[in-house]
PDB file of N, CA and C in Angstrom:
ATOM      1  N   MET A   1     126.896  98.775  93.113  1.00  0.00           N
ATOM      2  CA  MET A   1     125.468  97.605  93.223  1.00  0.00           C
ATOM      3  C   MET A   1     125.662  96.506  91.807  1.00  0.00           C
ATOM      4  N   LYS A   2     125.454  95.269  92.186  1.00  0.00           N
ATOM      5  CA  LYS A   2     125.272  94.370  91.234  1.00  0.00           C
ATOM      6  C   LYS A   2     124.121  94.194  90.492  1.00  0.00           C
ATOM      7  N   SER A   3     124.190  94.141  89.219  1.00  0.00           N
ATOM      8  CA  SER A   3     122.877  94.139  88.643  1.00  0.00           C
ATOM      9  C   SER A   3     122.341  92.362  88.431  1.00  0.00           C
ATOM     10  N   ALA A   4     121.067  92.476  88.365  1.00  0.00           N
ATOM     11  CA  ALA A   4     120.401  91.324  88.466  1.00  0.00           C
ATOM     12  C   ALA A   4     119.987  91.153  87.055  1.00  0.00           C
ATOM     13  N   THR A   5     119.139  89.771  86.909  1.00  0.00           N
ATOM     14  CA  THR A   5     118.774  89.709  85.621  1.00  0.00           C
ATOM     15  C   THR A   5     117.356  89.215  86.000  1.00  0.00           C
ATOM     16  N   ILE A   6     116.396  89.613  84.628  1.00  0.00           N
ATOM     17  CA  ILE A   6     115.011  89.456  84.583  1.00  0.00           C
ATOM     18  C   ILE A   6     114.957  88.026  83.910  1.00  0.00           C
ATOM     19  N   PRO A   7     113.762  86.841  84.511  1.00  0.00           N
ATOM     20  CA  PRO A   7     113.662  85.660  83.838  1.00  0.00           C
ATOM     21  C   PRO A   7     113.587  85.670  82.446  1.00  0.00           C
ATOM     22  N   ALA A   8     114.052  85.010  81.825  1.00  0.00           N
ATOM     23  CA  ALA A   8     113.770  84.750  80.207  1.00  0.00           C
ATOM     24  C   ALA A   8     112.185  84.595  79.904  1.00  0.00           C
ATOM     25  N   LEU A   9     112.070  85.515  78.958  1.00  0.00           N
ATOM     26  CA  LEU A   9     110.540  85.528  78.475  1.00  0.00           C
ATOM     27  C   LEU A   9     110.113  84.540  77.185  1.00  0.00           C
ATOM     28  N   ARG A  10     109.409  83.580  77.513  1.00  0.00           N
ATOM     29  CA  ARG A  10     109.184  82.896  76.051  1.00  0.00           C
ATOM     30  C   ARG A  10     108.052  83.433  75.276  1.00  0.00           C
ATOM     31  N   VAL A  11     108.415  83.878  74.057  1.00  0.00           N
ATOM     32  CA  VAL A  11     107.064  84.383  73.147  1.00  0.00           C
ATOM     33  C   VAL A  11     107.161  83.696  71.914  1.00  0.00           C
ATOM     34  N   GLU A  12     105.996  83.824  71.232  1.00  0.00           N
ATOM     35  CA  GLU A  12     105.867  83.317  69.521  1.00  0.00           C
ATOM     36  C   GLU A  12     106.795  84.013  68.739  1.00  0.00           C
ATOM     37  N   PRO A  13     107.506  83.144  68.038  1.00  0.00           N
ATOM     38  CA  PRO A  13     108.410  84.022  67.073  1.00  0.00           C
ATOM     39  C   PRO A  13     108.009  85.236  66.209  1.00  0.00           C
ATOM     40  N   LYS A  14     106.580  85.083  65.826  1.00  0.00           N
ATOM     41  CA  LYS A  14     106.112  86.417  64.925  1.00  0.00           C
ATOM     42  C   LYS A  14     106.209  87.758  66.109  1.00  0.00           C
ATOM     43  N   PHE A  15     105.665  87.130  67.492  1.00  0.00           N
ATOM     44  CA  PHE A  15     105.778  88.336  68.597  1.00  0.00           C
ATOM     45  C   PHE A  15     107.359  89.161  68.474  1.00  0.00           C
ATOM     46  N   ARG A  16     108.362  88.235  68.813  1.00  0.00           N
ATOM     47  CA  ARG A  16     109.436  88.755  68.867  1.00  0.00           C
ATOM     48  C   ARG A  16     109.932  89.583  67.737  1.00  0.00           C
ATOM     49  N   GLU A  17     109.610  89.061  66.389  1.00  0.00           N
ATOM     50  CA  GLU A  17     109.767  89.647  65.394  1.00  0.00           C
ATOM     51  C   GLU A  17     109.134  91.309  65.333  1.00  0.00           C
ATOM     52  N   ALA A  18     107.817  91.211  65.473  1.00  0.00           N
ATOM     53  CA  ALA A  18     107.216  92.490  65.486  1.00  0.00           C
ATOM     54  C   ALA A  18     108.133  93.412  66.844  1.00  0.00           C
ATOM     55  N   VAL A  19     108.430  92.838  67.856  1.00  0.00           N
ATOM     56  CA  VAL A  19     109.071  93.794  68.650  1.00  0.00           C
ATOM     57  C   VAL A  19     110.428  94.097  68.112  1.00  0.00           C
ATOM     58  N   GLU A  20     111.204  93.395  67.593  1.00  0.00           N
ATOM     59  CA  GLU A  20     112.429  93.731  66.924  1.00  0.00           C
ATOM     60  C   GLU A  20     112.250  94.643  65.462  1.00  0.00           C
ATOM     61  N   GLN A  21     111.275  94.571  65.105  1.00  0.00           N
ATOM     62  CA  GLN A  21     110.797  95.524  63.995  1.00  0.00           C
ATOM     63  C   GLN A  21     110.558  96.734  64.495  1.00  0.00           C
ATOM     64  N   SER A  22     110.002  97.030  65.694  1.00  0.00           N
ATOM     65  CA  SER A  22     109.623  98.381  66.409  1.00  0.00           C
ATOM     66  C   SER A  22     110.500  98.906  66.933  1.00  0.00           C
ATOM     67  N   LEU A  23     111.931  98.270  67.042  1.00  0.00           N
ATOM     68  CA  LEU A  23     112.910  98.828  67.847  1.00  0.00           C
ATOM     69  C   LEU A  23     113.540 100.160  67.122  1.00  0.00           C
ATOM     70  N   ASN A  24     113.558 101.236  67.749  1.00  0.00           N
ATOM     71  CA  ASN A  24     114.842 102.405  67.045  1.00  0.00           C
ATOM     72  C   ASN A  24     116.102 101.912  66.840  1.00  0.00           C
ATOM     73  N   SER A  25     116.851 102.709  65.970  1.00  0.00           N
ATOM     74  CA  SER A  25     117.883 102.320  65.607  1.00  0.00           C
ATOM     75  C   SER A  25     119.053 102.290  66.850  1.00  0.00           C
ATOM     76  N   ASP A  26     118.732 103.048  67.829  1.00  0.00           N
ATOM     77  CA  ASP A  26     119.652 102.765  69.023  1.00  0.00           C
ATOM     78  C   ASP A  26     119.382 102.022  70.215  1.00  0.00           C
ATOM     79  N   GLU A  27     118.231 101.614  70.168  1.00  0.00           N
ATOM     80  CA  GLU A  27     117.976 100.461  70.816  1.00  0.00           C
ATOM     81  C   GLU A  27     117.923  99.023  70.909  1.00  0.00           C
ATOM     82  N   THR A  28     118.264  98.382  71.774  1.00  0.00           N
ATOM     83  CA  THR A  28     118.514  96.883  71.821  1.00  0.00           C
ATOM     84  C   THR A  28     117.189  96.312  72.506  1.00  0.00           C
ATOM     85  N   LEU A  29     116.764  94.529  72.015  1.00  0.00           N
ATOM     86  CA  LEU A  29     115.882  94.474  72.771  1.00  0.00           C
ATOM     87  C   LEU A  29     115.962  94.014  74.089  1.00  0.00           C
ATOM     88  N   SER A  30     117.020  94.084  75.052  1.00  0.00           N
ATOM     89  CA  SER A  30     117.097  94.358  76.307  1.00  0.00           C
ATOM     90  C   SER A  30     116.757  95.581  76.727  1.00  0.00           C
ATOM     91  N   SER A  31     117.161  96.609  76.108  1.00  0.00           N
ATOM     92  CA  SER A  31     116.943  98.038  76.583  1.00  0.00           C
ATOM     93  C   SER A  31     115.412  98.587  76.254  1.00  0.00           C
ATOM     94  N   PHE A  32     114.721  97.814  75.109  1.00  0.00           N
ATOM     95  CA  PHE A  32     113.543  97.972  75.063  1.00  0.00           C
ATOM     96  C   PHE A  32     112.570  97.113  75.994  1.00  0.00           C
ATOM     97  N   THR A  33     112.847  96.061  76.395  1.00  0.00           N
ATOM     98  CA  THR A  33     112.340  95.375  77.483  1.00  0.00           C
ATOM     99  C   THR A  33     112.209  96.272  79.074  1.00  0.00           C
ATOM    100  N   GLU A  34     113.590  96.824  79.249  1.00  0.00           N
ATOM    101  CA  GLU A  34     113.734  97.150  80.473  1.00  0.00           C
ATOM    102  C   GLU A  34     112.852  98.266  80.430  1.00  0.00           C
ATOM    103  N   GLN A  35     113.078  99.292  79.456  1.00  0.00           N
ATOM    104  CA  GLN A  35     112.189 100.376  79.496  1.00  0.00           C
ATOM    105  C   GLN A  35     110.595 100.180  79.616  1.00  0.00           C
ATOM    106  N   ALA A  36     110.118  99.102  79.135  1.00  0.00           N
ATOM    107  CA  ALA A  36     108.579  98.725  79.209  1.00  0.00           C
ATOM    108  C   ALA A  36     108.595  98.242  80.513  1.00  0.00           C
ATOM    109  N   LEU A  37     109.313  97.577  81.407  1.00  0.00           N
ATOM    110  CA  LEU A  37     108.973  97.017  82.394  1.00  0.00           C
ATOM    111  C   LEU A  37     109.001  98.402  83.458  1.00  0.00           C
ATOM    112  N   ARG A  38     110.119  99.283  83.324  1.00  0.00           N
ATOM    113  CA  ARG A  38     110.208 100.725  84.104  1.00  0.00           C
ATOM    114  C   ARG A  38     108.720 101.351  83.949  1.00  0.00           C
ATOM    115  N   GLU A  39     108.250 101.643  82.487  1.00  0.00           N
ATOM    116  CA  GLU A  39     107.151 102.147  82.518  1.00  0.00           C
ATOM    117  C   GLU A  39     105.815 101.389  83.291  1.00  0.00           C
ATOM    118  N   GLN A  40     105.738 100.163  83.053  1.00  0.00           N
ATOM    119  CA  GLN A  40     104.375  99.638  83.747  1.00  0.00           C
ATOM    120  C   GLN A  40     104.440  99.659  85.179  1.00  0.00           C
ATOM    121  N   ILE A  41     105.797  99.496  85.740  1.00  0.00           N
ATOM    122  CA  ILE A  41     106.133  99.700  87.195  1.00  0.00           C
ATOM    123  C   ILE A  41     105.698 101.141  87.570  1.00  0.00           C
ATOM    124  N   LYS A  42     106.258 102.072  86.608  1.00  0.00           N
ATOM    125  CA  LYS A  42     105.523 103.484  87.042  1.00  0.00           C
ATOM    126  C   LYS A  42     103.973 103.704  87.040  1.00  0.00           C
ATOM    127  N   ARG A  43     103.187 103.146  85.990  1.00  0.00           N
ATOM    128  CA  ARG A  43     102.219 103.079  85.555  1.00  0.00           C
ATOM    129  C   ARG A  43     101.003 102.546  86.778  1.00  0.00           C
ATOM    130  N   ARG A  44     101.553 101.228  87.341  1.00  0.00           N
ATOM    131  CA  ARG A  44     101.004 100.787  88.226  1.00  0.00           C
ATOM    132  C   ARG A  44     101.019 101.421  89.768  1.00  0.00           C
ATOM    133  N   LYS A  45     102.124 101.904  89.946  1.00  0.00           N
ATOM    134  CA  LYS A  45     102.329 102.940  91.028  1.00  0.00           C
ATOM    135  C   LYS A  45     101.478 103.863  91.427  1.00  0.00           C
ATOM    136  N   ILE A  46     101.441 104.714  89.852  1.00  0.00           N
ATOM    137  CA  ILE A  46     100.467 105.764  89.559  1.00  0.00           C
ATOM    138  C   ILE A  46      99.012 105.390  89.997  1.00  0.00           C
ATOM    139  N   GLN A  47      98.610 104.210  89.392  1.00  0.00           N
ATOM    140  CA  GLN A  47      97.272 103.515  89.525  1.00  0.00           C
ATOM    141  C   GLN A  47      96.721 103.189  90.882  1.00  0.00           C
ATOM    142  N   GLY A  48      98.136 102.673  91.698  1.00  0.00           N
ATOM    143  CA  GLY A  48      97.651 102.419  93.049  1.00  0.00           C
ATOM    144  C   GLY A  48      97.507 103.794  93.953  1.00  0.00           C
ATOM    145  N   GLU A  49      98.097 104.667  93.510  1.00  0.00           N
ATOM    146  CA  GLU A  49      97.873 106.098  94.435  1.00  0.00           C
ATOM    147  C   GLU A  49      96.515 106.574  94.119  1.00  0.00           C
ATOM    148  N   PHE A  50      96.129 106.453  92.688  1.00  0.00           N
ATOM    149  CA  PHE A  50      95.023 107.369  92.321  1.00  0.00           C
ATOM    150  C   PHE A  50      93.717 106.376  93.309  1.00  0.00           C
ATOM    151  N   ILE A  51      93.954 104.818  93.378  1.00  0.00           N
ATOM    152  CA  ILE A  51      92.736 104.002  93.844  1.00  0.00           C
ATOM    153  C   ILE A  51      93.080 104.462  95.069  1.00  0.00           C
ATOM    154  N   ALA A  52      93.980 104.726  95.714  1.00  0.00           N
ATOM    155  CA  ALA A  52      94.160 105.185  97.399  1.00  0.00           C
ATOM    156  C   ALA A  52      93.321 106.420  97.485  1.00  0.00           C
ATOM    157  N   ARG A  53      93.511 107.107  96.856  1.00  0.00           N
ATOM    158  CA  ARG A  53      93.077 108.616  96.812  1.00  0.00           C
ATOM    159  C   ARG A  53      91.546 108.565  96.739  1.00  0.00           C
ATOM    160  N   GLY A  54      91.051 107.716  95.610  1.00  0.00           N
ATOM    161  CA  GLY A  54      89.634 107.495  95.655  1.00  0.00           C
ATOM    162  C   GLY A  54      88.665 106.775  96.932  1.00  0.00           C
ATOM    163  N   LEU A  55      89.639 105.949  97.414  1.00  0.00           N
ATOM    164  CA  LEU A  55      89.068 105.122  98.660  1.00  0.00           C
ATOM    165  C   LEU A  55      89.130 105.982  99.667  1.00  0.00           C
ATOM    166  N   LYS A  56      90.120 106.704  99.569  1.00  0.00           N
ATOM    167  CA  LYS A  56      90.066 108.036 101.021  1.00  0.00           C
ATOM    168  C   LYS A  56      89.135 108.956 100.719  1.00  0.00           C
ATOM    169  N   SER A  57      88.675 109.397  99.789  1.00  0.00           N
ATOM    170  CA  SER A  57      87.782 110.408  99.223  1.00  0.00           C
ATOM    171  C   SER A  57      86.496 109.731  99.584  1.00  0.00           C
ATOM    172  N   ARG A  58      86.308 108.593  99.337  1.00  0.00           N
ATOM    173  CA  ARG A  58      85.066 107.465  99.208  1.00  0.00           C
ATOM    174  C   ARG A  58      84.833 107.629 100.937  1.00  0.00           C
ATOM    175  N   ASP A  59      85.514 107.344 101.568  1.00  0.00           N
ATOM    176  CA  ASP A  59      85.467 107.337 103.203  1.00  0.00           C
ATOM    177  C   ASP A  59      85.135 108.817 103.801  1.00  0.00           C
ATOM    178  N   LYS A  60      85.666 109.782 103.275  1.00  0.00           N
ATOM    179  CA  LYS A  60      85.586 111.103 103.698  1.00  0.00           C
ATOM    180  C   LYS A  60      83.956 111.147 103.482  1.00  0.00           C
ATOM    181  N   ALA A  61      83.349 111.038 102.165  1.00  0.00           N
ATOM    182  CA  ALA A  61      82.273 111.357 101.690  1.00  0.00           C
ATOM    183  C   ALA A  61      81.301 110.381 102.842  1.00  0.00           C
ATOM    184  N   ARG A  62      81.484 109.395 103.112  1.00  0.00           N
ATOM    185  CA  ARG A  62      80.771 108.629 103.920  1.00  0.00           C
ATOM    186  C   ARG A  62      80.360 109.097 105.020  1.00  0.00           C
ATOM    187  N   GLN A  63      81.854 109.832 105.718  1.00  0.00           N
ATOM    188  CA  GLN A  63      81.800 109.851 106.974  1.00  0.00           C
ATOM    189  C   GLN A  63      81.002 111.444 107.320  1.00  0.00           C
ATOM    190  N   SER A  64      81.184 112.379 106.177  1.00  0.00           N
ATOM    191  CA  SER A  64      80.718 113.855 106.180  1.00  0.00           C
ATOM    192  C   SER A  64      79.196 113.470 105.488  1.00  0.00           C
ATOM    193  N   GLY A  65      79.014 112.920 105.043  1.00  0.00           N
ATOM    194  CA  GLY A  65      77.532 112.628 104.146  1.00  0.00           C
ATOM    195  C   GLY A  65      77.595 113.432 102.736  1.00  0.00           C
ATOM    196  N   GLU A  66      78.555 114.247 102.552  1.00  0.00           N
ATOM    197  CA  GLU A  66      78.519 115.467 101.459  1.00  0.00           C
ATOM    198  C   GLU A  66      78.907 114.581 100.439  1.00  0.00           C
ATOM    199  N   TYR A  67      78.054 114.542  99.199  1.00  0.00           N
ATOM    200  CA  TYR A  67      78.282 113.986  98.027  1.00  0.00           C
ATOM    201  C   TYR A  67      77.868 114.998  96.995  1.00  0.00           C
ATOM    202  N   TYR A  68      78.617 114.802  95.895  1.00  0.00           N
ATOM    203  CA  TYR A  68      78.177 115.808  94.589  1.00  0.00           C
ATOM    204  C   TYR A  68      77.540 114.963  93.453  1.00  0.00           C
ATOM    205  N   SER A  69      76.561 115.326  92.887  1.00  0.00           N
ATOM    206  CA  SER A  69      76.034 114.697  91.661  1.00  0.00           C
ATOM    207  C   SER A  69      77.165 114.632  90.527  1.00  0.00           C
ATOM    208  N   ALA A  70      77.014 113.707  89.596  1.00  0.00           N
ATOM    209  CA  ALA A  70      77.787 113.698  88.595  1.00  0.00           C
ATOM    210  C   ALA A  70      77.657 115.276  87.534  1.00  0.00           C
ATOM    211  N   GLU A  71      76.250 115.508  87.509  1.00  0.00           N
ATOM    212  CA  GLU A  71      76.080 116.533  86.972  1.00  0.00           C
ATOM    213  C   GLU A  71      76.787 117.888  87.877  1.00  0.00           C
ATOM    214  N   ASP A  72      76.665 118.179  88.786  1.00  0.00           N
ATOM    215  CA  ASP A  72      77.565 118.896  89.577  1.00  0.00           C
ATOM    216  C   ASP A  72      78.618 119.067  89.121  1.00  0.00           C
ATOM    217  N   VAL A  73      79.529 117.771  89.083  1.00  0.00           N
ATOM    218  CA  VAL A  73      80.760 117.943  88.988  1.00  0.00           C
ATOM    219  C   VAL A  73      81.162 118.399  87.659  1.00  0.00           C
ATOM    220  N   LEU A  74      80.566 118.068  86.626  1.00  0.00           N
ATOM    221  CA  LEU A  74      80.943 118.098  85.286  1.00  0.00           C
ATOM    222  C   LEU A  74      80.628 119.650  84.974  1.00  0.00           C
ATOM    223  N   PHE A  75      79.506 120.335  85.710  1.00  0.00           N
ATOM    224  CA  PHE A  75      79.210 121.872  85.427  1.00  0.00           C
ATOM    225  C   PHE A  75      80.684 122.290  85.809  1.00  0.00           C
ATOM    226  N   GLY A  76      81.065 122.047  87.115  1.00  0.00           N
ATOM    227  CA  GLY A  76      82.376 122.666  87.613  1.00  0.00           C
ATOM    228  C   GLY A  76      83.561 122.901  86.968  1.00  0.00           C
ATOM    229  N   LEU A  77      83.628 121.356  86.364  1.00  0.00           N
ATOM    230  CA  LEU A  77      84.784 121.040  85.443  1.00  0.00           C
ATOM    231  C   LEU A  77      84.610 121.904  84.308  1.00  0.00           C
ATOM    232  N   ASP A  78      83.437 122.090  83.556  1.00  0.00           N
ATOM    233  CA  ASP A  78      83.170 122.816  82.397  1.00  0.00           C
ATOM    234  C   ASP A  78      83.453 124.354  82.679  1.00  0.00           C
ATOM    235  N   ALA A  79      83.086 124.900  84.032  1.00  0.00           N
ATOM    236  CA  ALA A  79      83.366 126.225  84.277  1.00  0.00           C
ATOM    237  C   ALA A  79      85.005 126.515  84.362  1.00  0.00           C
ATOM    238  N   MET A  80      85.848 125.498  85.064  1.00  0.00           N
ATOM    239  CA  MET A  80      87.218 125.784  85.229  1.00  0.00           C
ATOM    240  C   MET A  80      87.923 125.671  83.619  1.00  0.00           C
ATOM    241  N   LEU A  81      87.245 124.815  82.709  1.00  0.00           N
ATOM    242  CA  LEU A  81      87.847 124.808  81.524  1.00  0.00           C
ATOM    243  C   LEU A  81      87.706 126.004  80.652  1.00  0.00           C
ATOM    244  N   ALA A  82      86.620 126.590  80.831  1.00  0.00           N
ATOM    245  CA  ALA A  82      85.926 127.646  80.212  1.00  0.00           C
ATOM    246  C   ALA A  82      87.048 129.125  80.772  1.00  0.00           C
ATOM    247  N   LYS A  83      87.204 129.144  82.167  1.00  0.00           N
ATOM    248  CA  LYS A  83      88.148 129.937  82.747  1.00  0.00           C
ATOM    249  C   LYS A  83      89.458 130.010  81.935  1.00  0.00           C
ATOM    250  N   VAL A  84      90.005 128.702  82.013  1.00  0.00           N
ATOM    251  CA  VAL A  84      91.404 128.313  81.522  1.00  0.00           C
ATOM    252  C   VAL A  84      91.223 128.788  79.865  1.00  0.00           C
ATOM    253  N   GLU A  85      90.168 128.697  79.079  1.00  0.00           N
ATOM    254  CA  GLU A  85      90.408 129.089  77.806  1.00  0.00           C
ATOM    255  C   GLU A  85      90.309 130.386  77.673  1.00  0.00           C
ATOM    256  N   LYS A  86      89.875 131.094  78.484  1.00  0.00           N
ATOM    257  CA  LYS A  86      89.842 132.704  78.461  1.00  0.00           C
ATOM    258  C   LYS A  86      91.044 133.477  78.405  1.00  0.00           C
ATOM    259  N   SER A  87      91.700 132.469  79.299  1.00  0.00           N
ATOM    260  CA  SER A  87      92.941 133.333  79.669  1.00  0.00           C
ATOM    261  C   SER A  87      94.264 133.039  78.682  1.00  0.00           C
TER     262      SER A  87
END
């Protein structure tokens, strides 16, 4: 498979200098940029899936009329946490 390029990114010199200073000894500016893009794509995918699950849950609650108060949810989470901390 042929590789492709990402368009050049214009930044202020101080910003580029800050990026270069943050590189690990085995990193290049290109590898840093590629990794940052990959992580952002992954983050956005996870965020999209999270939102889709939330919308599905909202629709299910509207359909069933079954809702839980924030207090009940937090109580349940506290109980789950206490159970895990005991083990």
